[in-house]
Amino acid sequence: MRVDLDDPGQLASFCDGCQIVVNCAGPTYRVLDTVARAAFAAGADYVDIGGELAAKDALINHEPAGDRTAVFSAGVMPGLSGLLPRLLAKGRPLRRLDVYVGGAAVFTPLSAVDALLTRGPTFGAPMAAWREGRIEPNALAPLHEVRLPGFPVPVHAWPYLTTEAQTLAVDTHADEVRSYNVFVSNRLPDALAAAWAEADGTDAATLAPHADSVVRASLQDNADFGAFYVMLFTARPRPGTPPGPGRIVLTATDSYALSGVVMALAARAVLTGSVPAGIHLAAEILDPNATATELRNDPLVEDLVIM
């Protein structure tokens, strides 16, 4: 069924009779809670591959959940990037937790606009780290041409303390959290920076004309390096804490397919009653152990190692 998300009648017809509505439409920061409210009105639960805090907060302000369930950010990043690291902190406080996510993935025009919209305190703080219970601005510098476990080539890692990473720090009681977006070259960071410098404003319509340069940069990276996506999490426990795993490495070829896996797992968790009623973010409500088990057995995941 073809649906115009700006047409309330079409959207209501689409949601009518559904038990759960799954949203992969974008740009997610323009859609926000539009589909979620239609799903709730139809008596359905809701799972969104994106949205983050902006969509969650919008839905909370517009529509009480009642006995309905909504899960936002049920994708790779945010989503899996805030869920899997919790396995490293289970039962022990950490002295430091590092998050590295990225690789060589082709951007679509919509995903490019979404990337361009992730600016400001709602999404995170560039070059910042979490230390001793607070954001420390300008604490980190980019890492250039570094070799990281799981990544097949030297990469560039740009510090970006997402709001998801900040919540992760609070929930796991980690003394320090460092979060990096990883690129195979400087093309994408340069394209994003140029678009932000040239665009007047932060709305989707203003940024959309700059999406082409982001897409072209990703295509050039893909031509040079092929397609791969890696999630690396490393933990340093506090002295005297119980032993446990210190590293998680997940590898996949297609980041979009991997997001689809997370979306499917979230939808099934909602349908089976594993997620309570309310409005949630996937990283904070899904079971990390159950998710890791499912990921290991999924053909779209090349490897998942916890050591």
Protein backbone atom coordinates (compact mmCIF):
# COMPACT_ATOMS: atom_id res chain seq x y z
CA MET A 1 0.00 0.00 0.00
CA ARG A 2 1.47 3.35 -1.01
CA VAL A 3 1.16 5.85 1.87
CA ASP A 4 1.76 9.59 2.07
CA LEU A 5 2.88 10.19 5.64
CA ASP A 6 1.61 13.77 5.39
CA ASP A 7 -1.91 12.51 4.66
CA PRO A 8 -3.58 11.54 7.98
CA GLY A 9 -6.32 9.62 6.20
CA GLN A 10 -3.93 7.43 4.23
CA LEU A 11 -1.82 6.80 7.30
CA ALA A 12 -4.86 5.86 9.38
CA SER A 13 -6.00 3.43 6.66
CA PHE A 14 -2.58 1.82 6.59
CA CYS A 15 -2.52 1.30 10.37
CA ASP A 16 -6.12 0.11 10.63
CA GLY A 17 -6.31 -3.51 11.75
CA CYS A 18 -2.60 -3.82 12.51
CA GLN A 19 -1.28 -5.41 15.69
CA ILE A 20 2.09 -3.74 15.23
CA VAL A 21 3.30 -1.03 12.84
CA VAL A 22 6.97 -1.03 11.82
CA ASN A 23 8.37 2.19 10.40
CA CYS A 24 11.42 2.39 8.15
CA ALA A 25 10.39 5.63 6.41
CA GLY A 26 12.52 8.71 6.58
CA PRO A 27 14.08 11.07 7.11
CA THR A 28 13.39 9.85 10.63
CA TYR A 29 13.95 13.30 12.14
CA ARG A 30 11.19 14.68 9.93
CA VAL A 31 8.82 11.76 10.51
CA LEU A 32 9.41 11.88 14.30
CA ASP A 33 6.26 10.49 16.01
CA THR A 34 3.82 10.95 13.09
CA VAL A 35 3.46 7.23 12.34
CA ALA A 36 3.62 6.26 16.01
CA ARG A 37 0.60 8.42 16.84
CA ALA A 38 -1.35 6.88 13.95
CA ALA A 39 -0.41 3.40 15.16
CA PHE A 40 -1.55 4.15 18.71
CA ALA A 41 -4.81 5.61 17.41
CA ALA A 42 -5.42 2.35 15.54
CA GLY A 43 -4.74 0.30 18.67
CA ALA A 44 -1.39 -1.01 17.39
CA ASP A 45 2.04 -1.17 18.94
CA TYR A 46 4.94 0.50 17.16
CA VAL A 47 8.61 -0.07 16.29
CA ASP A 48 10.76 2.51 14.54
CA ILE A 49 14.20 1.93 13.04
CA GLY A 50 15.15 5.53 13.92
CA GLY A 51 13.77 8.48 15.80
CA GLU A 52 16.04 8.69 18.84
CA LEU A 53 15.18 10.97 21.73
CA ALA A 54 13.57 13.57 19.47
CA ALA A 55 10.83 11.18 18.36
CA LYS A 56 10.45 9.51 21.75
CA ASP A 57 10.01 12.83 23.52
CA ALA A 58 7.59 14.06 20.85
CA LEU A 59 5.39 10.98 21.29
CA ILE A 60 5.47 11.26 25.08
CA ASN A 61 4.34 14.88 24.79
CA HIS A 62 1.59 14.13 22.23
CA GLU A 63 0.21 10.75 23.17
CA PRO A 64 0.14 8.82 26.47
CA ALA A 65 1.08 5.20 25.87
CA GLY A 66 -1.61 3.60 28.00
CA ASP A 67 -1.35 -0.12 27.32
CA ARG A 68 0.43 0.43 24.02
CA THR A 69 4.16 -0.08 23.35
CA ALA A 70 6.54 1.94 21.19
CA VAL A 71 10.22 1.23 20.58
CA PHE A 72 12.38 3.82 18.80
CA SER A 73 15.96 3.55 17.50
CA ALA A 74 15.63 -0.15 16.73
CA GLY A 75 18.52 -0.15 14.28
CA VAL A 76 22.30 -0.33 14.35
CA MET A 77 23.32 3.12 15.55
CA PRO A 78 21.49 4.15 17.60
CA GLY A 79 20.20 0.84 18.84
CA LEU A 80 22.68 -2.01 18.75
CA SER A 81 25.50 0.45 19.53
CA GLY A 82 23.95 1.14 22.93
CA LEU A 83 22.69 -2.38 23.62
CA LEU A 84 25.64 -4.74 23.09
CA PRO A 85 28.12 -2.78 25.29
CA ARG A 86 25.89 -3.55 28.27
CA LEU A 87 27.15 -7.13 28.08
CA LEU A 88 30.62 -5.86 29.04
CA ALA A 89 29.34 -4.03 32.12
CA LYS A 90 27.05 -6.74 33.43
CA GLY A 91 27.71 -7.26 37.14
CA ARG A 92 30.74 -4.98 37.31
CA PRO A 93 31.44 -1.25 37.04
CA LEU A 94 33.84 -0.19 34.30
CA ARG A 95 36.77 2.18 34.46
CA ARG A 96 36.43 2.85 30.74
CA LEU A 97 34.19 1.81 27.86
CA ASP A 98 35.06 2.54 24.21
CA VAL A 99 32.59 2.37 21.30
CA TYR A 100 33.71 2.26 17.65
CA VAL A 101 31.04 1.90 14.96
CA GLY A 102 31.29 2.29 11.19
CA GLY A 103 33.02 1.14 8.04
CA ALA A 104 32.24 1.52 4.36
CA ALA A 105 28.51 1.78 3.73
CA VAL A 106 26.70 3.45 0.84
CA PHE A 107 24.38 6.25 1.89
CA THR A 108 20.98 6.63 0.26
CA PRO A 109 19.64 10.18 -0.21
CA LEU A 110 17.31 9.71 2.78
CA SER A 111 20.01 8.29 5.05
CA ALA A 112 22.27 11.16 4.00
CA VAL A 113 19.65 13.69 5.10
CA ASP A 114 19.25 11.82 8.38
CA ALA A 115 23.02 11.98 8.93
CA LEU A 116 22.99 15.71 8.20
CA LEU A 117 20.17 16.23 10.70
CA THR A 118 22.08 14.66 13.61
CA ARG A 119 23.36 17.91 15.01
CA GLY A 120 22.99 19.59 18.37
CA PRO A 121 22.65 18.45 21.99
CA THR A 122 19.64 16.26 21.21
CA PHE A 123 21.98 13.91 19.36
CA GLY A 124 25.41 14.29 20.98
CA ALA A 125 28.60 16.26 21.51
CA PRO A 126 31.51 16.11 19.03
CA MET A 127 35.03 15.60 20.41
CA ALA A 128 33.59 15.02 23.90
CA ALA A 129 33.99 12.16 26.37
CA TRP A 130 32.03 11.10 29.42
CA ARG A 131 34.18 11.33 32.54
CA GLU A 132 33.23 11.03 36.19
CA GLY A 133 29.52 11.55 35.66
CA ARG A 134 29.51 14.41 33.17
CA ILE A 135 30.26 15.43 29.60
CA GLU A 136 33.81 16.70 29.19
CA PRO A 137 33.90 18.90 26.07
CA ASN A 138 36.84 18.79 23.65
CA ALA A 139 38.39 15.87 25.52
CA LEU A 140 39.28 13.76 22.48
CA ALA A 141 40.90 14.21 19.08
CA PRO A 142 40.21 12.29 15.86
CA LEU A 143 42.23 9.14 15.28
CA HIS A 144 43.65 8.91 11.76
CA GLU A 145 44.85 5.78 9.94
CA VAL A 146 44.51 3.57 13.03
CA ARG A 147 44.18 -0.19 13.05
CA LEU A 148 41.30 -1.41 15.20
CA PRO A 149 40.27 -5.01 15.95
CA GLY A 150 37.68 -6.26 13.47
CA PHE A 151 38.25 -3.52 10.90
CA PRO A 152 39.95 -4.91 7.77
CA VAL A 153 41.77 -1.68 6.88
CA PRO A 154 43.22 1.31 8.74
CA VAL A 155 40.41 3.73 9.57
CA HIS A 156 39.63 7.24 10.77
CA ALA A 157 37.73 7.44 14.06
CA TRP A 158 35.93 10.69 14.91
CA PRO A 159 34.86 11.23 18.53
CA TYR A 160 31.15 11.85 18.92
CA LEU A 161 29.56 11.29 22.32
CA THR A 162 26.00 10.45 21.33
CA THR A 163 23.13 10.87 23.75
CA GLU A 164 22.85 7.09 23.57
CA ALA A 165 26.46 6.80 24.79
CA GLN A 166 25.71 9.25 27.59
CA THR A 167 22.78 7.12 28.75
CA LEU A 168 24.96 4.03 28.45
CA ALA A 169 27.53 5.67 30.73
CA VAL A 170 24.91 6.45 33.36
CA ASP A 171 23.24 3.03 33.20
CA THR A 172 26.51 1.08 33.40
CA HIS A 173 28.17 3.38 35.99
CA ALA A 174 31.24 3.64 33.76
CA ASP A 175 33.84 6.17 34.87
CA GLU A 176 34.67 7.06 31.27
CA VAL A 177 32.99 6.46 27.91
CA ARG A 178 34.50 7.27 24.52
CA SER A 179 32.37 6.94 21.41
CA TYR A 180 33.64 7.14 17.83
CA ASN A 181 32.12 7.18 14.36
CA VAL A 182 34.47 5.23 12.10
CA PHE A 183 35.17 6.00 8.43
CA VAL A 184 37.50 4.40 5.89
CA SER A 185 38.58 7.80 4.56
CA ASN A 186 38.06 11.49 5.27
CA ARG A 187 35.62 11.86 2.37
CA LEU A 188 32.44 11.47 4.43
CA PRO A 189 33.53 13.62 7.38
CA ASP A 190 34.61 16.31 4.92
CA ALA A 191 31.31 16.11 3.00
CA LEU A 192 29.27 16.35 6.19
CA ALA A 193 31.33 19.25 7.52
CA ALA A 194 31.05 21.14 4.23
CA ALA A 195 27.28 20.65 4.13
CA TRP A 196 26.87 21.88 7.70
CA ALA A 197 29.03 24.91 6.95
CA GLU A 198 27.09 25.82 3.81
CA ALA A 199 23.53 24.99 4.90
CA ASP A 200 21.47 27.75 6.44
CA GLY A 201 19.45 25.97 9.10
CA THR A 202 18.98 22.41 10.31
CA ASP A 203 15.65 21.35 8.79
CA ALA A 204 15.35 18.54 6.24
CA ALA A 205 14.35 20.80 3.34
CA THR A 206 17.39 23.03 3.83
CA LEU A 207 19.82 20.13 4.13
CA ALA A 208 18.39 17.91 1.38
CA PRO A 209 20.28 19.68 -1.47
CA HIS A 210 23.54 18.78 0.28
CA ALA A 211 22.73 15.07 0.51
CA ASP A 212 24.17 14.33 -2.95
CA SER A 213 27.71 15.20 -1.85
CA VAL A 214 27.37 12.80 1.10
CA VAL A 215 26.05 10.04 -1.16
CA ARG A 216 28.90 10.58 -3.66
CA ALA A 217 31.51 10.41 -0.89
CA SER A 218 30.06 7.11 0.34
CA LEU A 219 30.04 5.68 -3.19
CA GLN A 220 33.70 6.58 -3.64
CA ASP A 221 34.56 4.87 -0.36
CA ASN A 222 32.61 1.81 -1.43
CA ALA A 223 34.45 1.70 -4.75
CA ASP A 224 37.81 1.85 -3.00
CA PHE A 225 37.16 -0.42 -0.02
CA GLY A 226 34.10 -2.54 -0.74
CA ALA A 227 31.26 -2.83 1.75
CA PHE A 228 31.77 -3.71 5.41
CA TYR A 229 30.42 -2.65 8.78
CA VAL A 230 32.02 -3.23 12.16
CA MET A 231 30.93 -2.63 15.74
CA LEU A 232 33.76 -2.75 18.27
CA PHE A 233 33.29 -2.31 22.01
CA THR A 234 36.13 -2.54 24.54
CA ALA A 235 35.96 -2.41 28.32
CA ARG A 236 38.48 -1.80 31.08
CA PRO A 237 37.06 -2.84 34.45
CA ARG A 238 37.81 -1.13 37.70
CA PRO A 239 40.55 -2.83 39.76
CA GLY A 240 39.25 -5.62 41.96
CA THR A 241 36.01 -6.17 40.05
CA PRO A 242 34.86 -9.64 38.93
CA PRO A 243 36.30 -11.01 35.67
CA GLY A 244 34.26 -10.71 32.52
CA PRO A 245 34.47 -10.11 28.79
CA GLY A 246 36.56 -7.17 27.66
CA ARG A 247 35.75 -6.93 23.95
CA ILE A 248 32.85 -7.38 21.55
CA VAL A 249 33.34 -7.41 17.79
CA LEU A 250 30.43 -7.66 15.37
CA THR A 251 31.08 -7.72 11.63
CA ALA A 252 28.62 -7.51 8.75
CA THR A 253 28.66 -6.63 5.07
CA ASP A 254 25.55 -4.47 4.91
CA SER A 255 24.67 -1.99 7.65
CA TYR A 256 21.12 -1.63 6.30
CA ALA A 257 20.56 -5.38 6.45
CA LEU A 258 21.96 -5.42 9.98
CA SER A 259 19.52 -2.66 10.96
CA GLY A 260 16.76 -4.81 9.49
CA VAL A 261 17.80 -7.68 11.74
CA VAL A 262 17.62 -5.44 14.83
CA MET A 263 14.24 -4.11 13.70
CA ALA A 264 12.90 -7.65 13.29
CA LEU A 265 14.17 -8.69 16.73
CA ALA A 266 12.58 -5.62 18.31
CA ALA A 267 9.27 -6.24 16.58
CA ARG A 268 9.24 -9.86 17.72
CA ALA A 269 10.09 -8.83 21.29
CA VAL A 270 7.10 -6.46 21.28
CA LEU A 271 4.77 -9.08 19.78
CA THR A 272 5.78 -11.73 22.31
CA GLY A 273 5.31 -9.40 25.27
CA SER A 274 9.00 -9.17 26.15
CA VAL A 275 8.80 -5.37 26.05
CA PRO A 276 6.47 -3.73 28.60
CA ALA A 277 3.91 -1.11 27.67
CA GLY A 278 5.35 2.37 27.38
CA ILE A 279 7.61 4.40 25.11
CA HIS A 280 11.18 3.12 24.92
CA LEU A 281 14.52 3.23 23.12
CA ALA A 282 15.70 -0.17 21.87
CA ALA A 283 19.12 0.01 23.55
CA GLU A 284 17.48 0.53 26.94
CA ILE A 285 14.69 -2.07 26.75
CA LEU A 286 15.80 -5.07 24.65
CA ASP A 287 17.58 -7.97 26.33
CA PRO A 288 21.27 -7.78 25.33
CA ASN A 289 21.93 -11.48 25.97
CA ALA A 290 18.94 -12.66 23.94
CA THR A 291 19.81 -10.21 21.17
CA ALA A 292 23.42 -11.41 21.02
CA THR A 293 22.25 -15.03 20.77
CA GLU A 294 19.92 -14.19 17.88
CA LEU A 295 22.60 -12.18 16.09
CA ARG A 296 25.09 -15.06 16.24
CA ASN A 297 22.58 -17.27 14.42
CA ASP A 298 21.52 -14.74 11.81
CA PRO A 299 22.94 -15.21 8.29
CA LEU A 300 23.18 -11.43 7.79
CA VAL A 301 25.72 -11.20 10.61
CA GLU A 302 29.14 -12.40 9.53
CA ASP A 303 30.54 -12.80 13.04
CA LEU A 304 29.89 -11.81 16.63
CA VAL A 305 32.70 -12.44 19.11
CA ILE A 306 32.52 -11.70 22.83
CA MET A 307 35.82 -12.28 24.59
